[in-house]
């Protein structure tokens, strides 16, 4: 069962995300709230436009203010999602069968590094991936998952796949739940990002206004070259 999370812009339904997970979770509520924020902004703009008491300049200022308020609200949603993603990653790590390094243990990291060096020196990348995915040599997989991917000759996607297969093998039920939560996180993040862009679309918010409203989340929300956003964020 899935739900299309939509919002209405200029009389048209705009899809923010397709939801397949828990519809009682905080993530779902954030995604829905992002849609409502867009609609609330459109209503405010309509009232401003139709208010004959306001001068053209006052309407322009009020439209800008309405846009900034909504963009800031969406930036807060984005900040909350980032915190929830951190919590999710911690739970993911706890579910993993990989034992973290103990304080004062210097030998295990050295052994892991040597394992990673030998894996990265393998000429056959497919054989390396297969060796780690089968779980037939758990000590090798454990070392790889404790270290950054590149040390073992893996890219980020390969490393995630090995981590997921290892977790699924160790705890399939918990893996299914945590995987759905990860998908929900991605869906909620997508919904907030799309809502931010729609508010920009209906208000005509300028780039600096977007960056200032987004704050620390500007690089994730503002639809512009990340280098430009970083450069302008310093001036905001």
C-alpha atoms as a PDB file:
ATOM      1  CA  UNK A   1       0.000   0.000   0.000  1.00  0.00           C
ATOM      2  CA  UNK A   2       1.456   3.352  -0.980  1.00  0.00           C
ATOM      3  CA  UNK A   3       0.344   6.961  -0.842  1.00  0.00           C
ATOM      4  CA  UNK A   4       1.214   9.859  -3.093  1.00  0.00           C
ATOM      5  CA  UNK A   5       2.054  12.820  -0.898  1.00  0.00           C
ATOM      6  CA  UNK A   6       0.937  15.851  -2.874  1.00  0.00           C
ATOM      7  CA  UNK A   7       0.452  19.575  -2.543  1.00  0.00           C
ATOM      8  CA  UNK A   8      -1.659  21.979  -4.584  1.00  0.00           C
ATOM      9  CA  UNK A   9       0.048  24.746  -6.564  1.00  0.00           C
ATOM     10  CA  UNK A  10      -1.986  26.999  -8.859  1.00  0.00           C
ATOM     11  CA  UNK A  11      -4.849  24.509  -8.824  1.00  0.00           C
ATOM     12  CA  UNK A  12      -2.643  21.549  -9.773  1.00  0.00           C
ATOM     13  CA  UNK A  13      -1.571  18.570  -7.686  1.00  0.00           C
ATOM     14  CA  UNK A  14       2.213  18.341  -7.398  1.00  0.00           C
ATOM     15  CA  UNK A  15       3.709  15.088  -6.121  1.00  0.00           C
ATOM     16  CA  UNK A  16       6.258  15.523  -3.343  1.00  0.00           C
ATOM     17  CA  UNK A  17       6.920  11.845  -2.626  1.00  0.00           C
ATOM     18  CA  UNK A  18       5.508   8.342  -2.930  1.00  0.00           C
ATOM     19  CA  UNK A  19       5.127   6.913   0.578  1.00  0.00           C
ATOM     20  CA  UNK A  20       5.262   3.171   1.248  1.00  0.00           C
ATOM     21  CA  UNK A  21       6.211   3.087   4.905  1.00  0.00           C
ATOM     22  CA  UNK A  22       4.721   3.854   8.309  1.00  0.00           C
ATOM     23  CA  UNK A  23       1.983   6.480   8.076  1.00  0.00           C
ATOM     24  CA  UNK A  24       2.067   7.205  11.807  1.00  0.00           C
ATOM     25  CA  UNK A  25       5.761   8.099  12.018  1.00  0.00           C
ATOM     26  CA  UNK A  26       7.407  11.474  12.520  1.00  0.00           C
ATOM     27  CA  UNK A  27       8.945  11.110   9.049  1.00  0.00           C
ATOM     28  CA  UNK A  28       5.502  10.804   7.468  1.00  0.00           C
ATOM     29  CA  UNK A  29       4.239  13.785   9.438  1.00  0.00           C
ATOM     30  CA  UNK A  30       7.167  15.912   8.239  1.00  0.00           C
ATOM     31  CA  UNK A  31       6.513  14.958   4.620  1.00  0.00           C
ATOM     32  CA  UNK A  32       2.815  15.861   4.960  1.00  0.00           C
ATOM     33  CA  UNK A  33       3.636  19.098   6.781  1.00  0.00           C
ATOM     34  CA  UNK A  34       5.956  20.104   3.924  1.00  0.00           C
ATOM     35  CA  UNK A  35       3.015  19.851   1.541  1.00  0.00           C
ATOM     36  CA  UNK A  36       0.806  21.891   3.828  1.00  0.00           C
ATOM     37  CA  UNK A  37       3.507  24.568   4.051  1.00  0.00           C
ATOM     38  CA  UNK A  38       3.392  25.052   0.285  1.00  0.00           C
ATOM     39  CA  UNK A  39      -0.403  25.352   0.311  1.00  0.00           C
ATOM     40  CA  UNK A  40      -0.302  27.743   3.272  1.00  0.00           C
ATOM     41  CA  UNK A  41       2.157  29.943   1.368  1.00  0.00           C
ATOM     42  CA  UNK A  42      -0.085  29.966  -1.715  1.00  0.00           C
ATOM     43  CA  UNK A  43      -3.063  31.009   0.441  1.00  0.00           C
ATOM     44  CA  UNK A  44      -1.068  33.833   2.029  1.00  0.00           C
ATOM     45  CA  UNK A  45       0.019  35.057  -1.393  1.00  0.00           C
ATOM     46  CA  UNK A  46      -3.582  34.994  -2.601  1.00  0.00           C
ATOM     47  CA  UNK A  47      -4.735  37.114   0.325  1.00  0.00           C
ATOM     48  CA  UNK A  48      -1.902  39.581  -0.224  1.00  0.00           C
ATOM     49  CA  UNK A  49      -2.624  39.899  -3.935  1.00  0.00           C
ATOM     50  CA  UNK A  50      -6.354  40.485  -3.391  1.00  0.00           C
ATOM     51  CA  UNK A  51      -5.905  43.038  -0.590  1.00  0.00           C
ATOM     52  CA  UNK A  52      -6.797  46.319  -2.281  1.00  0.00           C
ATOM     53  CA  UNK A  53      -5.632  48.314   0.737  1.00  0.00           C
ATOM     54  CA  UNK A  54      -1.985  47.401   0.094  1.00  0.00           C
ATOM     55  CA  UNK A  55       0.227  49.360  -2.261  1.00  0.00           C
ATOM     56  CA  UNK A  56       2.261  47.540  -4.899  1.00  0.00           C
ATOM     57  CA  UNK A  57       5.381  48.009  -2.772  1.00  0.00           C
ATOM     58  CA  UNK A  58       3.659  46.678   0.355  1.00  0.00           C
ATOM     59  CA  UNK A  59       2.405  43.643  -1.550  1.00  0.00           C
ATOM     60  CA  UNK A  60       5.910  42.965  -2.817  1.00  0.00           C
ATOM     61  CA  UNK A  61       7.329  43.162   0.715  1.00  0.00           C
ATOM     62  CA  UNK A  62       4.556  40.963   2.135  1.00  0.00           C
ATOM     63  CA  UNK A  63       5.075  38.356  -0.594  1.00  0.00           C
ATOM     64  CA  UNK A  64       8.767  38.234   0.215  1.00  0.00           C
ATOM     65  CA  UNK A  65       8.047  37.920   3.924  1.00  0.00           C
ATOM     66  CA  UNK A  66       5.589  35.070   3.314  1.00  0.00           C
ATOM     67  CA  UNK A  67       8.169  33.242   1.231  1.00  0.00           C
ATOM     68  CA  UNK A  68      10.934  33.659   3.807  1.00  0.00           C
ATOM     69  CA  UNK A  69       8.699  32.374   6.609  1.00  0.00           C
ATOM     70  CA  UNK A  70       7.843  29.213   4.671  1.00  0.00           C
ATOM     71  CA  UNK A  71      11.407  28.592   3.506  1.00  0.00           C
ATOM     72  CA  UNK A  72      12.611  28.862   7.101  1.00  0.00           C
ATOM     73  CA  UNK A  73       9.965  26.388   8.237  1.00  0.00           C
ATOM     74  CA  UNK A  74      11.056  23.919   5.565  1.00  0.00           C
ATOM     75  CA  UNK A  75      14.701  24.420   6.544  1.00  0.00           C
ATOM     76  CA  UNK A  76      13.736  23.447  10.104  1.00  0.00           C
ATOM     77  CA  UNK A  77      12.127  20.271   8.748  1.00  0.00           C
ATOM     78  CA  UNK A  78      15.357  19.548   6.868  1.00  0.00           C
ATOM     79  CA  UNK A  79      17.425  20.061  10.017  1.00  0.00           C
ATOM     80  CA  UNK A  80      15.174  17.674  11.929  1.00  0.00           C
ATOM     81  CA  UNK A  81      15.469  15.063   9.176  1.00  0.00           C
ATOM     82  CA  UNK A  82      19.251  15.304   9.344  1.00  0.00           C
ATOM     83  CA  UNK A  83      19.101  14.584  13.088  1.00  0.00           C
ATOM     84  CA  UNK A  84      16.759  11.639  12.485  1.00  0.00           C
ATOM     85  CA  UNK A  85      19.138  10.337   9.820  1.00  0.00           C
ATOM     86  CA  UNK A  86      21.955  10.423  12.362  1.00  0.00           C
ATOM     87  CA  UNK A  87      19.822   8.434  14.832  1.00  0.00           C
ATOM     88  CA  UNK A  88      18.962   5.971  12.068  1.00  0.00           C
ATOM     89  CA  UNK A  89      22.620   5.469  11.187  1.00  0.00           C
ATOM     90  CA  UNK A  90      23.481   4.807  14.826  1.00  0.00           C
ATOM     91  CA  UNK A  91      20.777   2.135  15.032  1.00  0.00           C
ATOM     92  CA  UNK A  92      21.995   0.693  11.761  1.00  0.00           C
ATOM     93  CA  UNK A  93      25.494   0.446  13.182  1.00  0.00           C
ATOM     94  CA  UNK A  94      24.233  -1.207  16.383  1.00  0.00           C
ATOM     95  CA  UNK A  95      22.329  -3.785  14.363  1.00  0.00           C
ATOM     96  CA  UNK A  96      25.424  -4.594  12.386  1.00  0.00           C
ATOM     97  CA  UNK A  97      27.299  -7.694  13.448  1.00  0.00           C
ATOM     98  CA  UNK A  98      30.556  -5.748  13.232  1.00  0.00           C
ATOM     99  CA  UNK A  99      32.298  -5.221  16.553  1.00  0.00           C
ATOM    100  CA  UNK A 100      33.721  -1.689  16.974  1.00  0.00           C
ATOM    101  CA  UNK A 101      37.303  -1.102  18.024  1.00  0.00           C
ATOM    102  CA  UNK A 102      37.912  -1.216  21.770  1.00  0.00           C
ATOM    103  CA  UNK A 103      39.767   1.551  23.542  1.00  0.00           C
ATOM    104  CA  UNK A 104      43.428   0.688  23.808  1.00  0.00           C
ATOM    105  CA  UNK A 105      43.246  -2.046  21.149  1.00  0.00           C
ATOM    106  CA  UNK A 106      46.010  -1.282  18.658  1.00  0.00           C
ATOM    107  CA  UNK A 107      46.436  -4.718  17.098  1.00  0.00           C
ATOM    108  CA  UNK A 108      42.958  -5.098  15.580  1.00  0.00           C
ATOM    109  CA  UNK A 109      43.148  -1.864  13.535  1.00  0.00           C
ATOM    110  CA  UNK A 110      46.564  -2.921  12.213  1.00  0.00           C
ATOM    111  CA  UNK A 111      45.246  -6.338  11.199  1.00  0.00           C
ATOM    112  CA  UNK A 112      42.227  -4.701   9.556  1.00  0.00           C
ATOM    113  CA  UNK A 113      44.485  -2.378   7.586  1.00  0.00           C
ATOM    114  CA  UNK A 114      46.549  -5.317   6.351  1.00  0.00           C
ATOM    115  CA  UNK A 115      43.385  -7.177   5.300  1.00  0.00           C
ATOM    116  CA  UNK A 116      42.177  -4.075   3.471  1.00  0.00           C
ATOM    117  CA  UNK A 117      45.546  -3.671   1.737  1.00  0.00           C
ATOM    118  CA  UNK A 118      45.442  -7.247   0.451  1.00  0.00           C
ATOM    119  CA  UNK A 119      41.849  -6.881  -0.725  1.00  0.00           C
ATOM    120  CA  UNK A 120      42.565  -3.640  -2.555  1.00  0.00           C
ATOM    121  CA  UNK A 121      45.516  -5.281  -4.329  1.00  0.00           C
ATOM    122  CA  UNK A 122      43.285  -7.978  -5.848  1.00  0.00           C
ATOM    123  CA  UNK A 123      43.162  -7.631  -9.635  1.00  0.00           C
ATOM    124  CA  UNK A 124      39.672  -9.083  -9.950  1.00  0.00           C
ATOM    125  CA  UNK A 125      37.184  -6.590  -8.449  1.00  0.00           C
ATOM    126  CA  UNK A 126      34.285  -8.997  -8.986  1.00  0.00           C
ATOM    127  CA  UNK A 127      36.063 -11.722  -7.045  1.00  0.00           C
ATOM    128  CA  UNK A 128      36.723  -9.261  -4.225  1.00  0.00           C
ATOM    129  CA  UNK A 129      33.046  -8.270  -3.996  1.00  0.00           C
ATOM    130  CA  UNK A 130      31.911 -11.898  -4.117  1.00  0.00           C
ATOM    131  CA  UNK A 131      34.359 -12.852  -1.381  1.00  0.00           C
ATOM    132  CA  UNK A 132      32.917 -10.189   0.891  1.00  0.00           C
ATOM    133  CA  UNK A 133      29.259 -10.717  -0.002  1.00  0.00           C
ATOM    134  CA  UNK A 134      29.131 -14.463   0.618  1.00  0.00           C
ATOM    135  CA  UNK A 135      30.109 -14.106   4.264  1.00  0.00           C
ATOM    136  CA  UNK A 136      32.260 -17.225   4.042  1.00  0.00           C
ATOM    137  CA  UNK A 137      35.163 -15.330   5.592  1.00  0.00           C
ATOM    138  CA  UNK A 138      33.511 -13.080   8.186  1.00  0.00           C
ATOM    139  CA  UNK A 139      36.833 -11.768   9.498  1.00  0.00           C
ATOM    140  CA  UNK A 140      37.511 -10.143   6.136  1.00  0.00           C
ATOM    141  CA  UNK A 141      34.043  -8.613   5.954  1.00  0.00           C
ATOM    142  CA  UNK A 142      34.313  -7.337   9.516  1.00  0.00           C
ATOM    143  CA  UNK A 143      37.574  -5.569   8.728  1.00  0.00           C
ATOM    144  CA  UNK A 144      36.154  -3.982   5.583  1.00  0.00           C
ATOM    145  CA  UNK A 145      33.074  -2.650   7.365  1.00  0.00           C
ATOM    146  CA  UNK A 146      35.149  -1.035  10.102  1.00  0.00           C
ATOM    147  CA  UNK A 147      37.250   0.904   7.615  1.00  0.00           C
ATOM    148  CA  UNK A 148      36.541   3.527   4.930  1.00  0.00           C
ATOM    149  CA  UNK A 149      35.563   1.859   1.619  1.00  0.00           C
ATOM    150  CA  UNK A 150      38.500   3.106  -0.453  1.00  0.00           C
ATOM    151  CA  UNK A 151      41.053   1.330   1.749  1.00  0.00           C
ATOM    152  CA  UNK A 152      39.662  -2.022   0.579  1.00  0.00           C
ATOM    153  CA  UNK A 153      39.331  -0.964  -3.055  1.00  0.00           C
ATOM    154  CA  UNK A 154      35.555  -0.461  -2.798  1.00  0.00           C
ATOM    155  CA  UNK A 155      33.329   2.435  -3.717  1.00  0.00           C
ATOM    156  CA  UNK A 156      30.600   3.734  -1.382  1.00  0.00           C
ATOM    157  CA  UNK A 157      27.815   1.795  -3.138  1.00  0.00           C
ATOM    158  CA  UNK A 158      29.727  -1.499  -2.907  1.00  0.00           C
ATOM    159  CA  UNK A 159      30.494  -0.865   0.756  1.00  0.00           C
ATOM    160  CA  UNK A 160      26.799  -0.172   1.529  1.00  0.00           C
ATOM    161  CA  UNK A 161      25.751  -3.319  -0.291  1.00  0.00           C
ATOM    162  CA  UNK A 162      28.191  -5.446   1.699  1.00  0.00           C
ATOM    163  CA  UNK A 163      27.008  -3.824   4.941  1.00  0.00           C
ATOM    164  CA  UNK A 164      23.359  -4.454   4.057  1.00  0.00           C
ATOM    165  CA  UNK A 165      23.910  -8.077   3.042  1.00  0.00           C
ATOM    166  CA  UNK A 166      25.864  -8.692   6.242  1.00  0.00           C
ATOM    167  CA  UNK A 167      23.125  -7.148   8.372  1.00  0.00           C
ATOM    168  CA  UNK A 168      20.346  -9.008   6.554  1.00  0.00           C
ATOM    169  CA  UNK A 169      22.156 -12.290   7.084  1.00  0.00           C
ATOM    170  CA  UNK A 170      22.586 -11.580  10.813  1.00  0.00           C
ATOM    171  CA  UNK A 171      19.064 -10.260  11.513  1.00  0.00           C
ATOM    172  CA  UNK A 172      16.628 -10.400   8.574  1.00  0.00           C
ATOM    173  CA  UNK A 173      13.572  -9.069  10.453  1.00  0.00           C
ATOM    174  CA  UNK A 174      15.387  -6.070  11.892  1.00  0.00           C
ATOM    175  CA  UNK A 175      17.010  -5.468   8.523  1.00  0.00           C
ATOM    176  CA  UNK A 176      13.605  -5.228   6.822  1.00  0.00           C
ATOM    177  CA  UNK A 177      12.423  -2.643   9.354  1.00  0.00           C
ATOM    178  CA  UNK A 178      15.569  -0.526   9.227  1.00  0.00           C
ATOM    179  CA  UNK A 179      15.589  -0.667   5.426  1.00  0.00           C
ATOM    180  CA  UNK A 180      12.028   0.674   5.288  1.00  0.00           C
ATOM    181  CA  UNK A 181      12.978   3.429   7.691  1.00  0.00           C
ATOM    182  CA  UNK A 182      15.862   4.389   5.421  1.00  0.00           C
ATOM    183  CA  UNK A 183      13.477   4.583   2.472  1.00  0.00           C
ATOM    184  CA  UNK A 184      11.083   6.699   4.546  1.00  0.00           C
ATOM    185  CA  UNK A 185      13.930   9.057   5.412  1.00  0.00           C
ATOM    186  CA  UNK A 186      14.763   9.446   1.736  1.00  0.00           C
ATOM    187  CA  UNK A 187      11.096  10.049   0.862  1.00  0.00           C
ATOM    188  CA  UNK A 188      10.649  12.683   3.571  1.00  0.00           C
ATOM    189  CA  UNK A 189      13.881  14.401   2.552  1.00  0.00           C
ATOM    190  CA  UNK A 190      12.710  14.444  -1.067  1.00  0.00           C
ATOM    191  CA  UNK A 191       9.333  15.890  -0.034  1.00  0.00           C
ATOM    192  CA  UNK A 192      10.912  18.738   1.931  1.00  0.00           C
ATOM    193  CA  UNK A 193      13.357  19.531  -0.874  1.00  0.00           C
ATOM    194  CA  UNK A 194      10.573  19.627  -3.467  1.00  0.00           C
ATOM    195  CA  UNK A 195       8.394  21.754  -1.201  1.00  0.00           C
ATOM    196  CA  UNK A 196      11.255  24.237  -0.786  1.00  0.00           C
ATOM    197  CA  UNK A 197      11.582  24.545  -4.566  1.00  0.00           C
ATOM    198  CA  UNK A 198       7.825  24.989  -4.988  1.00  0.00           C
ATOM    199  CA  UNK A 199       7.769  27.822  -2.453  1.00  0.00           C
ATOM    200  CA  UNK A 200      10.611  29.443  -4.379  1.00  0.00           C
ATOM    201  CA  UNK A 201       8.580  28.954  -7.564  1.00  0.00           C
ATOM    202  CA  UNK A 202       5.399  30.589  -6.268  1.00  0.00           C
ATOM    203  CA  UNK A 203       7.097  33.446  -4.387  1.00  0.00           C
ATOM    204  CA  UNK A 204       9.936  34.177  -6.812  1.00  0.00           C
ATOM    205  CA  UNK A 205      12.412  34.224  -3.916  1.00  0.00           C
ATOM    206  CA  UNK A 206      15.840  35.409  -5.020  1.00  0.00           C
ATOM    207  CA  UNK A 207      18.913  33.226  -4.551  1.00  0.00           C
ATOM    208  CA  UNK A 208      20.286  35.161  -1.569  1.00  0.00           C
ATOM    209  CA  UNK A 209      16.875  35.076   0.088  1.00  0.00           C
ATOM    210  CA  UNK A 210      16.778  31.302  -0.342  1.00  0.00           C
ATOM    211  CA  UNK A 211      20.264  30.881   1.091  1.00  0.00           C
ATOM    212  CA  UNK A 212      19.584  33.114   4.068  1.00  0.00           C
ATOM    213  CA  UNK A 213      16.297  31.336   4.847  1.00  0.00           C
ATOM    214  CA  UNK A 214      17.812  27.862   4.496  1.00  0.00           C
ATOM    215  CA  UNK A 215      20.760  28.631   6.778  1.00  0.00           C
ATOM    216  CA  UNK A 216      22.932  25.577   7.429  1.00  0.00           C
ATOM    217  CA  UNK A 217      20.734  23.507   5.089  1.00  0.00           C
ATOM    218  CA  UNK A 218      21.289  25.762   2.080  1.00  0.00           C
ATOM    219  CA  UNK A 219      23.512  23.324   0.192  1.00  0.00           C
ATOM    220  CA  UNK A 220      20.852  20.629   0.528  1.00  0.00           C
ATOM    221  CA  UNK A 221      17.818  22.760  -0.297  1.00  0.00           C
ATOM    222  CA  UNK A 222      18.788  25.535  -2.681  1.00  0.00           C
ATOM    223  CA  UNK A 223      18.639  24.505  -6.323  1.00  0.00           C
ATOM    224  CA  UNK A 224      21.952  25.994  -7.421  1.00  0.00           C
ATOM    225  CA  UNK A 225      25.571  24.971  -7.911  1.00  0.00           C
ATOM    226  CA  UNK A 226      26.905  23.880  -4.477  1.00  0.00           C
ATOM    227  CA  UNK A 227      30.067  25.950  -4.970  1.00  0.00           C
ATOM    228  CA  UNK A 228      27.995  29.078  -5.577  1.00  0.00           C
ATOM    229  CA  UNK A 229      25.795  28.313  -2.565  1.00  0.00           C
ATOM    230  CA  UNK A 230      28.845  27.810  -0.337  1.00  0.00           C
ATOM    231  CA  UNK A 231      30.384  31.036  -1.601  1.00  0.00           C
ATOM    232  CA  UNK A 232      27.222  33.075  -1.063  1.00  0.00           C
ATOM    233  CA  UNK A 233      26.503  31.421   2.301  1.00  0.00           C
ATOM    234  CA  UNK A 234      29.600  33.128   3.657  1.00  0.00           C
ATOM    235  CA  UNK A 235      28.186  36.485   2.629  1.00  0.00           C
ATOM    236  CA  UNK A 236      24.660  35.759   3.910  1.00  0.00           C
END
